[in-house]
Full PDB file with SEQRES, HELIX, SHEET, SSBOND, CRYST1, ORIGX, SCALE, CONECT and MASTER records, all heavy atoms in Angstrom:
SEQRES   1 A   35  VAL SER ASP ARG VAL VAL GLU PRO ALA GLY LEU LEU THR          
SEQRES   2 A   35  THR GLU GLY ARG TRP TYR LEU ILE ALA TRP CYS ARG THR          
SEQRES   3 A   35  ARG ARG ALA GLY ARG GLY PHE ARG LEU                          
SHEET    1 AA1 3 VAL A   6  THR A  14  0                                        
SHEET    2 AA1 3 ARG A  17  CYS A  24 -1                                        
SHEET    3 AA1 3 ALA A  29  ARG A  34 -1                                        
CRYST1    1.000    1.000    1.000  90.00  90.00  90.00 P 1           1          
ORIGX1      1.000000  0.000000  0.000000        0.00000                         
ORIGX2      0.000000  1.000000  0.000000        0.00000                         
ORIGX3      0.000000  0.000000  1.000000        0.00000                         
SCALE1      1.000000  0.000000  0.000000        0.00000                         
SCALE2      0.000000  1.000000  0.000000        0.00000                         
SCALE3      0.000000  0.000000  1.000000        0.00000                         
ATOM      1  N   VAL A   1      42.094 -40.376  33.081  1.00  0.00           N  
ATOM      2  CA  VAL A   1      41.705 -39.927  31.727  1.00  0.00           C  
ATOM      3  C   VAL A   1      41.220 -38.432  31.836  1.00  0.00           C  
ATOM      4  O   VAL A   1      40.433 -38.109  32.726  1.00  0.00           O  
ATOM      5  CB  VAL A   1      40.589 -40.790  31.136  1.00  0.00           C  
ATOM      6  CG1 VAL A   1      40.196 -40.258  29.771  1.00  0.00           C  
ATOM      7  CG2 VAL A   1      41.065 -42.231  31.039  1.00  0.00           C  
ATOM      8  N   SER A   2      41.694 -37.625  30.919  1.00  0.00           N  
ATOM      9  CA  SER A   2      41.233 -36.229  30.948  1.00  0.00           C  
ATOM     10  C   SER A   2      41.161 -35.723  29.498  1.00  0.00           C  
ATOM     11  O   SER A   2      41.755 -36.280  28.582  1.00  0.00           O  
ATOM     12  CB  SER A   2      42.199 -35.339  31.718  1.00  0.00           C  
ATOM     13  OG  SER A   2      43.531 -35.380  31.176  1.00  0.00           O  
ATOM     14  N   ASP A   3      40.368 -34.677  29.318  1.00  0.00           N  
ATOM     15  CA  ASP A   3      40.248 -34.023  27.993  1.00  0.00           C  
ATOM     16  C   ASP A   3      41.104 -32.761  28.032  1.00  0.00           C  
ATOM     17  O   ASP A   3      41.051 -32.007  29.000  1.00  0.00           O  
ATOM     18  CB  ASP A   3      38.799 -33.682  27.694  1.00  0.00           C  
ATOM     19  CG  ASP A   3      37.910 -34.874  27.518  1.00  0.00           C  
ATOM     20  OD1 ASP A   3      38.447 -35.875  26.981  1.00  0.00           O  
ATOM     21  OD2 ASP A   3      36.744 -34.820  27.882  1.00  0.00           O  
ATOM     22  N   ARG A   4      41.896 -32.560  26.984  1.00  0.00           N  
ATOM     23  CA  ARG A   4      42.825 -31.426  26.951  1.00  0.00           C  
ATOM     24  C   ARG A   4      42.692 -30.705  25.633  1.00  0.00           C  
ATOM     25  O   ARG A   4      42.393 -31.328  24.571  1.00  0.00           O  
ATOM     26  CB  ARG A   4      44.269 -31.885  27.081  1.00  0.00           C  
ATOM     27  CG  ARG A   4      44.573 -32.818  28.234  1.00  0.00           C  
ATOM     28  CD  ARG A   4      44.520 -32.103  29.602  1.00  0.00           C  
ATOM     29  NE  ARG A   4      45.005 -32.992  30.655  1.00  0.00           N  
ATOM     30  CZ  ARG A   4      46.228 -33.001  31.103  1.00  0.00           C  
ATOM     31  NH1 ARG A   4      47.147 -32.152  30.576  1.00  0.00           N  
ATOM     32  NH2 ARG A   4      46.598 -33.793  32.079  1.00  0.00           N  
ATOM     33  N   VAL A   5      42.871 -29.415  25.651  1.00  0.00           N  
ATOM     34  CA  VAL A   5      42.978 -28.642  24.435  1.00  0.00           C  
ATOM     35  C   VAL A   5      44.420 -28.085  24.422  1.00  0.00           C  
ATOM     36  O   VAL A   5      44.815 -27.393  25.367  1.00  0.00           O  
ATOM     37  CB  VAL A   5      42.020 -27.456  24.376  1.00  0.00           C  
ATOM     38  CG1 VAL A   5      42.215 -26.619  23.101  1.00  0.00           C  
ATOM     39  CG2 VAL A   5      40.589 -28.020  24.429  1.00  0.00           C  
ATOM     40  N   VAL A   6      45.193 -28.438  23.372  1.00  0.00           N  
ATOM     41  CA  VAL A   6      46.624 -28.142  23.371  1.00  0.00           C  
ATOM     42  C   VAL A   6      47.065 -27.402  22.132  1.00  0.00           C  
ATOM     43  O   VAL A   6      46.460 -27.570  21.053  1.00  0.00           O  
ATOM     44  CB  VAL A   6      47.449 -29.430  23.543  1.00  0.00           C  
ATOM     45  CG1 VAL A   6      47.039 -30.210  24.766  1.00  0.00           C  
ATOM     46  CG2 VAL A   6      47.302 -30.332  22.316  1.00  0.00           C  
ATOM     47  N   GLU A   7      48.180 -26.646  22.308  1.00  0.00           N  
ATOM     48  CA  GLU A   7      48.793 -25.909  21.169  1.00  0.00           C  
ATOM     49  C   GLU A   7      50.156 -26.527  20.941  1.00  0.00           C  
ATOM     50  O   GLU A   7      51.053 -26.298  21.745  1.00  0.00           O  
ATOM     51  CB  GLU A   7      48.890 -24.438  21.507  1.00  0.00           C  
ATOM     52  CG  GLU A   7      47.495 -23.802  21.771  1.00  0.00           C  
ATOM     53  CD  GLU A   7      47.612 -22.297  22.194  1.00  0.00           C  
ATOM     54  OE1 GLU A   7      48.749 -21.797  22.191  1.00  0.00           O  
ATOM     55  OE2 GLU A   7      46.597 -21.747  22.575  1.00  0.00           O  
ATOM     56  N   PRO A   8      50.333 -27.326  19.913  1.00  0.00           N  
ATOM     57  CA  PRO A   8      51.587 -28.067  19.672  1.00  0.00           C  
ATOM     58  C   PRO A   8      52.806 -27.181  19.507  1.00  0.00           C  
ATOM     59  O   PRO A   8      52.744 -26.131  18.866  1.00  0.00           O  
ATOM     60  CB  PRO A   8      51.344 -28.864  18.409  1.00  0.00           C  
ATOM     61  CG  PRO A   8      49.834 -28.920  18.293  1.00  0.00           C  
ATOM     62  CD  PRO A   8      49.358 -27.624  18.863  1.00  0.00           C  
ATOM     63  N   ALA A   9      53.913 -27.591  20.182  1.00  0.00           N  
ATOM     64  CA  ALA A   9      55.189 -26.898  20.015  1.00  0.00           C  
ATOM     65  C   ALA A   9      56.215 -27.778  19.281  1.00  0.00           C  
ATOM     66  O   ALA A   9      57.096 -27.267  18.650  1.00  0.00           O  
ATOM     67  CB  ALA A   9      55.748 -26.493  21.390  1.00  0.00           C  
ATOM     68  N   GLY A  10      56.102 -29.071  19.430  1.00  0.00           N  
ATOM     69  CA  GLY A  10      57.041 -29.967  18.739  1.00  0.00           C  
ATOM     70  C   GLY A  10      56.935 -31.388  19.245  1.00  0.00           C  
ATOM     71  O   GLY A  10      56.017 -31.770  19.978  1.00  0.00           O  
ATOM     72  N   LEU A  11      57.911 -32.228  18.857  1.00  0.00           N  
ATOM     73  CA  LEU A  11      57.934 -33.635  19.204  1.00  0.00           C  
ATOM     74  C   LEU A  11      59.234 -33.940  19.905  1.00  0.00           C  
ATOM     75  O   LEU A  11      60.294 -33.384  19.559  1.00  0.00           O  
ATOM     76  CB  LEU A  11      57.795 -34.515  17.959  1.00  0.00           C  
ATOM     77  CG  LEU A  11      56.445 -34.432  17.220  1.00  0.00           C  
ATOM     78  CD1 LEU A  11      56.567 -35.034  15.823  1.00  0.00           C  
ATOM     79  CD2 LEU A  11      55.345 -35.153  18.021  1.00  0.00           C  
ATOM     80  N   LEU A  12      59.136 -34.849  20.851  1.00  0.00           N  
ATOM     81  CA  LEU A  12      60.370 -35.300  21.602  1.00  0.00           C  
ATOM     82  C   LEU A  12      60.366 -36.813  21.617  1.00  0.00           C  
ATOM     83  O   LEU A  12      59.338 -37.452  21.748  1.00  0.00           O  
ATOM     84  CB  LEU A  12      60.267 -34.756  23.056  1.00  0.00           C  
ATOM     85  CG  LEU A  12      61.454 -35.124  23.956  1.00  0.00           C  
ATOM     86  CD1 LEU A  12      61.746 -34.004  24.932  1.00  0.00           C  
ATOM     87  CD2 LEU A  12      61.145 -36.387  24.824  1.00  0.00           C  
ATOM     88  N   THR A  13      61.549 -37.392  21.418  1.00  0.00           N  
ATOM     89  CA  THR A  13      61.709 -38.818  21.482  1.00  0.00           C  
ATOM     90  C   THR A  13      62.782 -39.214  22.489  1.00  0.00           C  
ATOM     91  O   THR A  13      63.818 -38.551  22.596  1.00  0.00           O  
ATOM     92  CB  THR A  13      62.063 -39.414  20.068  1.00  0.00           C  
ATOM     93  OG1 THR A  13      62.183 -40.857  20.205  1.00  0.00           O  
ATOM     94  CG2 THR A  13      63.383 -38.828  19.545  1.00  0.00           C  
ATOM     95  N   THR A  14      62.515 -40.233  23.286  1.00  0.00           N  
ATOM     96  CA  THR A  14      63.450 -40.737  24.265  1.00  0.00           C  
ATOM     97  C   THR A  14      63.128 -42.166  24.585  1.00  0.00           C  
ATOM     98  O   THR A  14      61.983 -42.526  24.743  1.00  0.00           O  
ATOM     99  CB  THR A  14      63.462 -39.908  25.578  1.00  0.00           C  
ATOM    100  OG1 THR A  14      64.417 -40.456  26.500  1.00  0.00           O  
ATOM    101  CG2 THR A  14      62.082 -39.868  26.209  1.00  0.00           C  
ATOM    102  N   GLU A  15      64.148 -43.003  24.608  1.00  0.00           N  
ATOM    103  CA  GLU A  15      64.010 -44.419  24.954  1.00  0.00           C  
ATOM    104  C   GLU A  15      62.882 -45.120  24.140  1.00  0.00           C  
ATOM    105  O   GLU A  15      62.166 -45.928  24.672  1.00  0.00           O  
ATOM    106  CB  GLU A  15      63.748 -44.586  26.444  1.00  0.00           C  
ATOM    107  CG  GLU A  15      64.880 -44.046  27.310  1.00  0.00           C  
ATOM    108  CD  GLU A  15      64.645 -44.192  28.799  1.00  0.00           C  
ATOM    109  OE1 GLU A  15      63.482 -44.532  29.171  1.00  0.00           O  
ATOM    110  OE2 GLU A  15      65.538 -43.958  29.587  1.00  0.00           O  
ATOM    111  N   GLY A  16      62.838 -44.787  22.885  1.00  0.00           N  
ATOM    112  CA  GLY A  16      61.876 -45.383  21.969  1.00  0.00           C  
ATOM    113  C   GLY A  16      60.464 -44.912  22.100  1.00  0.00           C  
ATOM    114  O   GLY A  16      59.569 -45.374  21.404  1.00  0.00           O  
ATOM    115  N   ARG A  17      60.222 -43.887  22.904  1.00  0.00           N  
ATOM    116  CA  ARG A  17      58.881 -43.303  23.101  1.00  0.00           C  
ATOM    117  C   ARG A  17      58.844 -41.946  22.407  1.00  0.00           C  
ATOM    118  O   ARG A  17      59.807 -41.187  22.397  1.00  0.00           O  
ATOM    119  CB  ARG A  17      58.511 -43.157  24.552  1.00  0.00           C  
ATOM    120  CG  ARG A  17      58.565 -44.409  25.378  1.00  0.00           C  
ATOM    121  CD  ARG A  17      57.422 -45.320  25.047  1.00  0.00           C  
ATOM    122  NE  ARG A  17      57.345 -46.468  25.953  1.00  0.00           N  
ATOM    123  CZ  ARG A  17      56.448 -47.478  25.838  1.00  0.00           C  
ATOM    124  NH1 ARG A  17      55.601 -47.438  24.821  1.00  0.00           N  
ATOM    125  NH2 ARG A  17      56.480 -48.461  26.696  1.00  0.00           N  
ATOM    126  N   TRP A  18      57.663 -41.603  21.888  1.00  0.00           N  
ATOM    127  CA  TRP A  18      57.459 -40.273  21.262  1.00  0.00           C  
ATOM    128  C   TRP A  18      56.463 -39.489  22.110  1.00  0.00           C  
ATOM    129  O   TRP A  18      55.443 -39.989  22.552  1.00  0.00           O  
ATOM    130  CB  TRP A  18      56.937 -40.431  19.823  1.00  0.00           C  
ATOM    131  CG  TRP A  18      58.024 -40.772  18.862  1.00  0.00           C  
ATOM    132  CD1 TRP A  18      58.423 -42.039  18.521  1.00  0.00           C  
ATOM    133  CD2 TRP A  18      58.867 -39.884  18.166  1.00  0.00           C  
ATOM    134  NE1 TRP A  18      59.467 -41.966  17.594  1.00  0.00           N  
ATOM    135  CE2 TRP A  18      59.760 -40.664  17.335  1.00  0.00           C  
ATOM    136  CE3 TRP A  18      58.952 -38.480  18.077  1.00  0.00           C  
ATOM    137  CZ2 TRP A  18      60.705 -40.072  16.499  1.00  0.00           C  
ATOM    138  CZ3 TRP A  18      59.908 -37.893  17.239  1.00  0.00           C  
ATOM    139  CH2 TRP A  18      60.755 -38.715  16.449  1.00  0.00           C  
ATOM    140  N   TYR A  19      56.773 -38.184  22.247  1.00  0.00           N  
ATOM    141  CA  TYR A  19      55.929 -37.295  23.017  1.00  0.00           C  
ATOM    142  C   TYR A  19      55.545 -36.054  22.210  1.00  0.00           C  
ATOM    143  O   TYR A  19      56.367 -35.497  21.488  1.00  0.00           O  
ATOM    144  CB  TYR A  19      56.605 -36.829  24.283  1.00  0.00           C  
ATOM    145  CG  TYR A  19      56.940 -37.950  25.275  1.00  0.00           C  
ATOM    146  CD1 TYR A  19      58.037 -38.756  25.076  1.00  0.00           C  
ATOM    147  CD2 TYR A  19      56.173 -38.145  26.400  1.00  0.00           C  
ATOM    148  CE1 TYR A  19      58.363 -39.739  25.960  1.00  0.00           C  
ATOM    149  CE2 TYR A  19      56.474 -39.163  27.299  1.00  0.00           C  
ATOM    150  CZ  TYR A  19      57.562 -39.945  27.076  1.00  0.00           C  
ATOM    151  OH  TYR A  19      57.868 -40.971  27.941  1.00  0.00           O  
ATOM    152  N   LEU A  20      54.280 -35.651  22.334  1.00  0.00           N  
ATOM    153  CA  LEU A  20      53.875 -34.364  21.781  1.00  0.00           C  
ATOM    154  C   LEU A  20      54.111 -33.333  22.866  1.00  0.00           C  
ATOM    155  O   LEU A  20      53.532 -33.441  23.993  1.00  0.00           O  
ATOM    156  CB  LEU A  20      52.400 -34.364  21.391  1.00  0.00           C  
ATOM    157  CG  LEU A  20      51.767 -33.055  21.094  1.00  0.00           C  
ATOM    158  CD1 LEU A  20      52.370 -32.390  19.828  1.00  0.00           C  
ATOM    159  CD2 LEU A  20      50.231 -33.201  20.943  1.00  0.00           C  
ATOM    160  N   ILE A  21      54.951 -32.339  22.623  1.00  0.00           N  
ATOM    161  CA  ILE A  21      55.182 -31.252  23.581  1.00  0.00           C  
ATOM    162  C   ILE A  21      54.292 -30.119  23.165  1.00  0.00           C  
ATOM    163  O   ILE A  21      54.348 -29.645  22.018  1.00  0.00           O  
ATOM    164  CB  ILE A  21      56.653 -30.810  23.630  1.00  0.00           C  
ATOM    165  CG1 ILE A  21      57.566 -32.037  23.820  1.00  0.00           C  
ATOM    166  CG2 ILE A  21      56.861 -29.753  24.706  1.00  0.00           C  
ATOM    167  CD1 ILE A  21      57.292 -32.805  25.118  1.00  0.00           C  
ATOM    168  N   ALA A  22      53.466 -29.609  24.093  1.00  0.00           N  
ATOM    169  CA  ALA A  22      52.474 -28.587  23.763  1.00  0.00           C  
ATOM    170  C   ALA A  22      52.141 -27.710  24.956  1.00  0.00           C  
ATOM    171  O   ALA A  22      52.404 -28.068  26.090  1.00  0.00           O  
ATOM    172  CB  ALA A  22      51.204 -29.296  23.255  1.00  0.00           C  
ATOM    173  N   TRP A  23      51.595 -26.539  24.662  1.00  0.00           N  
ATOM    174  CA  TRP A  23      50.984 -25.661  25.674  1.00  0.00           C  
ATOM    175  C   TRP A  23      49.609 -26.206  25.942  1.00  0.00           C  
ATOM    176  O   TRP A  23      48.778 -26.268  25.007  1.00  0.00           O  
ATOM    177  CB  TRP A  23      50.938 -24.251  25.219  1.00  0.00           C  
ATOM    178  CG  TRP A  23      50.212 -23.356  26.247  1.00  0.00           C  
ATOM    179  CD1 TRP A  23      48.942 -22.893  26.144  1.00  0.00           C  
ATOM    180  CD2 TRP A  23      50.818 -22.828  27.431  1.00  0.00           C  
ATOM    181  NE1 TRP A  23      48.643 -22.166  27.251  1.00  0.00           N  
ATOM    182  CE2 TRP A  23      49.751 -22.068  28.025  1.00  0.00           C  
ATOM    183  CE3 TRP A  23      52.048 -22.865  28.021  1.00  0.00           C  
ATOM    184  CZ2 TRP A  23      49.928 -21.405  29.280  1.00  0.00           C  
ATOM    185  CZ3 TRP A  23      52.200 -22.216  29.222  1.00  0.00           C  
ATOM    186  CH2 TRP A  23      51.191 -21.454  29.839  1.00  0.00           C  
ATOM    187  N   CYS A  24      49.346 -26.638  27.171  1.00  0.00           N  
ATOM    188  CA  CYS A  24      48.070 -27.191  27.503  1.00  0.00           C  
ATOM    189  C   CYS A  24      47.154 -26.088  28.017  1.00  0.00           C  
ATOM    190  O   CYS A  24      47.442 -25.459  29.094  1.00  0.00           O  
ATOM    191  CB  CYS A  24      48.218 -28.288  28.574  1.00  0.00           C  
ATOM    192  SG  CYS A  24      46.654 -29.021  29.120  1.00  0.00           S  
ATOM    193  N   ARG A  25      46.107 -25.778  27.335  1.00  0.00           N  
ATOM    194  CA  ARG A  25      45.159 -24.704  27.758  1.00  0.00           C  
ATOM    195  C   ARG A  25      44.452 -25.097  29.037  1.00  0.00           C  
ATOM    196  O   ARG A  25      44.104 -24.283  29.850  1.00  0.00           O  
ATOM    197  CB  ARG A  25      44.180 -24.397  26.640  1.00  0.00           C  
ATOM    198  CG  ARG A  25      44.752 -23.718  25.433  1.00  0.00           C  
ATOM    199  CD  ARG A  25      43.709 -23.415  24.410  1.00  0.00           C  
ATOM    200  NE  ARG A  25      44.212 -22.713  23.257  1.00  0.00           N  
ATOM    201  CZ  ARG A  25      43.466 -22.351  22.198  1.00  0.00           C  
ATOM    202  NH1 ARG A  25      42.199 -22.679  22.152  1.00  0.00           N  
ATOM    203  NH2 ARG A  25      44.006 -21.750  21.197  1.00  0.00           N  
ATOM    204  N   THR A  26      44.200 -26.429  29.149  1.00  0.00           N  
ATOM    205  CA  THR A  26      43.504 -26.926  30.317  1.00  0.00           C  
ATOM    206  C   THR A  26      44.311 -26.683  31.597  1.00  0.00           C  
ATOM    207  O   THR A  26      43.817 -26.300  32.648  1.00  0.00           O  
ATOM    208  CB  THR A  26      43.132 -28.386  30.145  1.00  0.00           C  
ATOM    209  OG1 THR A  26      42.495 -28.589  28.935  1.00  0.00           O  
ATOM    210  CG2 THR A  26      42.242 -28.906  31.312  1.00  0.00           C  
ATOM    211  N   ARG A  27      45.626 -26.972  31.550  1.00  0.00           N  
ATOM    212  CA  ARG A  27      46.528 -26.826  32.686  1.00  0.00           C  
ATOM    213  C   ARG A  27      47.227 -25.499  32.698  1.00  0.00           C  
ATOM    214  O   ARG A  27      47.959 -25.183  33.686  1.00  0.00           O  
ATOM    215  CB  ARG A  27      47.510 -27.986  32.699  1.00  0.00           C  
ATOM    216  CG  ARG A  27      46.933 -29.379  32.850  1.00  0.00           C  
ATOM    217  CD  ARG A  27      46.344 -29.557  34.213  1.00  0.00           C  
ATOM    218  NE  ARG A  27      45.873 -30.964  34.418  1.00  0.00           N  
ATOM    219  CZ  ARG A  27      44.667 -31.323  34.215  1.00  0.00           C  
ATOM    220  NH1 ARG A  27      43.714 -30.445  33.815  1.00  0.00           N  
ATOM    221  NH2 ARG A  27      44.284 -32.598  34.368  1.00  0.00           N  
ATOM    222  N   ARG A  28      47.109 -24.734  31.614  1.00  0.00           N  
ATOM    223  CA  ARG A  28      47.808 -23.420  31.493  1.00  0.00           C  
ATOM    224  C   ARG A  28      49.303 -23.559  31.727  1.00  0.00           C  
ATOM    225  O   ARG A  28      49.912 -22.775  32.482  1.00  0.00           O  
ATOM    226  CB  ARG A  28      47.155 -22.391  32.470  1.00  0.00           C  
ATOM    227  CG  ARG A  28      45.707 -22.079  32.176  1.00  0.00           C  
ATOM    228  CD  ARG A  28      45.190 -21.053  33.120  1.00  0.00           C  
ATOM    229  NE  ARG A  28      43.815 -20.740  32.878  1.00  0.00           N  
ATOM    230  CZ  ARG A  28      43.356 -19.898  31.937  1.00  0.00           C  
ATOM    231  NH1 ARG A  28      44.236 -19.278  31.167  1.00  0.00           N  
ATOM    232  NH2 ARG A  28      42.056 -19.712  31.743  1.00  0.00           N  
ATOM    233  N   ALA A  29      49.848 -24.572  31.096  1.00  0.00           N  
ATOM    234  CA  ALA A  29      51.311 -24.826  31.246  1.00  0.00           C  
ATOM    235  C   ALA A  29      51.759 -25.705  30.112  1.00  0.00           C  
ATOM    236  O   ALA A  29      50.965 -26.378  29.426  1.00  0.00           O  
ATOM    237  CB  ALA A  29      51.604 -25.479  32.579  1.00  0.00           C  
ATOM    238  N   GLY A  30      53.091 -25.776  29.947  1.00  0.00           N  
ATOM    239  CA  GLY A  30      53.638 -26.736  28.979  1.00  0.00           C  
ATOM    240  C   GLY A  30      53.547 -28.165  29.486  1.00  0.00           C  
ATOM    241  O   GLY A  30      53.698 -28.396  30.671  1.00  0.00           O  
ATOM    242  N   ARG A  31      53.199 -29.079  28.627  1.00  0.00           N  
ATOM    243  CA  ARG A  31      53.022 -30.482  28.992  1.00  0.00           C  
ATOM    244  C   ARG A  31      53.533 -31.378  27.846  1.00  0.00           C  
ATOM    245  O   ARG A  31      53.593 -30.999  26.685  1.00  0.00           O  
ATOM    246  CB  ARG A  31      51.548 -30.834  29.266  1.00  0.00           C  
ATOM    247  CG  ARG A  31      50.992 -30.199  30.549  1.00  0.00           C  
ATOM    248  CD  ARG A  31      51.570 -30.921  31.748  1.00  0.00           C  
ATOM    249  NE  ARG A  31      50.956 -30.467  33.003  1.00  0.00           N  
ATOM    250  CZ  ARG A  31      51.341 -29.443  33.719  1.00  0.00           C  
ATOM    251  NH1 ARG A  31      52.330 -28.684  33.307  1.00  0.00           N  
ATOM    252  NH2 ARG A  31      50.665 -29.113  34.857  1.00  0.00           N  
ATOM    253  N   GLY A  32      53.920 -32.616  28.243  1.00  0.00           N  
ATOM    254  CA  GLY A  32      54.268 -33.645  27.290  1.00  0.00           C  
ATOM    255  C   GLY A  32      53.277 -34.767  27.309  1.00  0.00           C  
ATOM    256  O   GLY A  32      52.838 -35.182  28.342  1.00  0.00           O  
ATOM    257  N   PHE A  33      52.874 -35.155  26.133  1.00  0.00           N  
ATOM    258  CA  PHE A  33      51.813 -36.175  26.023  1.00  0.00           C  
ATOM    259  C   PHE A  33      52.358 -37.337  25.186  1.00  0.00           C  
ATOM    260  O   PHE A  33      52.729 -37.208  24.024  1.00  0.00           O  
ATOM    261  CB  PHE A  33      50.552 -35.590  25.274  1.00  0.00           C  
ATOM    262  CG  PHE A  33      49.945 -34.425  25.949  1.00  0.00           C  
ATOM    263  CD1 PHE A  33      50.376 -33.147  25.592  1.00  0.00           C  
ATOM    264  CD2 PHE A  33      49.022 -34.585  26.961  1.00  0.00           C  
ATOM    265  CE1 PHE A  33      49.780 -32.021  26.238  1.00  0.00           C  
ATOM    266  CE2 PHE A  33      48.457 -33.513  27.616  1.00  0.00           C  
ATOM    267  CZ  PHE A  33      48.854 -32.219  27.277  1.00  0.00           C  
ATOM    268  N   ARG A  34      52.507 -38.485  25.868  1.00  0.00           N  
ATOM    269  CA  ARG A  34      53.018 -39.671  25.188  1.00  0.00           C  
ATOM    270  C   ARG A  34      52.060 -40.127  24.149  1.00  0.00           C  
ATOM    271  O   ARG A  34      50.873 -40.276  24.434  1.00  0.00           O  
ATOM    272  CB  ARG A  34      53.259 -40.782  26.245  1.00  0.00           C  
ATOM    273  CG  ARG A  34      54.529 -41.607  25.890  1.00  0.00           C  
ATOM    274  CD  ARG A  34      54.856 -42.531  27.010  1.00  0.00           C  
ATOM    275  NE  ARG A  34      54.158 -43.821  26.880  1.00  0.00           N  
ATOM    276  CZ  ARG A  34      54.314 -44.818  27.723  1.00  0.00           C  
ATOM    277  NH1 ARG A  34      55.182 -44.713  28.759  1.00  0.00           N  
ATOM    278  NH2 ARG A  34      53.654 -45.942  27.592  1.00  0.00           N  
ATOM    279  N   LEU A  35      52.548 -40.310  22.926  1.00  0.00           N  
ATOM    280  CA  LEU A  35      51.643 -40.589  21.818  1.00  0.00           C  
ATOM    281  C   LEU A  35      50.826 -41.801  21.986  1.00  0.00           C  
ATOM    282  O   LEU A  35      49.654 -41.881  21.608  1.00  0.00           O  
ATOM    283  CB  LEU A  35      52.428 -40.648  20.456  1.00  0.00           C  
ATOM    284  CG  LEU A  35      53.131 -39.390  20.006  1.00  0.00           C  
ATOM    285  CD1 LEU A  35      53.551 -39.497  18.552  1.00  0.00           C  
ATOM    286  CD2 LEU A  35      52.309 -38.161  20.196  1.00  0.00           C  
TER     287      LEU A  35                                                      
MASTER        0    0    0    0    3    0    0    6  286    1    0    3          
END                                                                             
């Protein structure tokens, strides 16, 4: 478990799952977060 501050770029769906794609300020990189 972690706390993140993110800047949303969009949504991605695959195999019935939805992901928030965002720039993660915590990791300083793009990341996908399963909803």
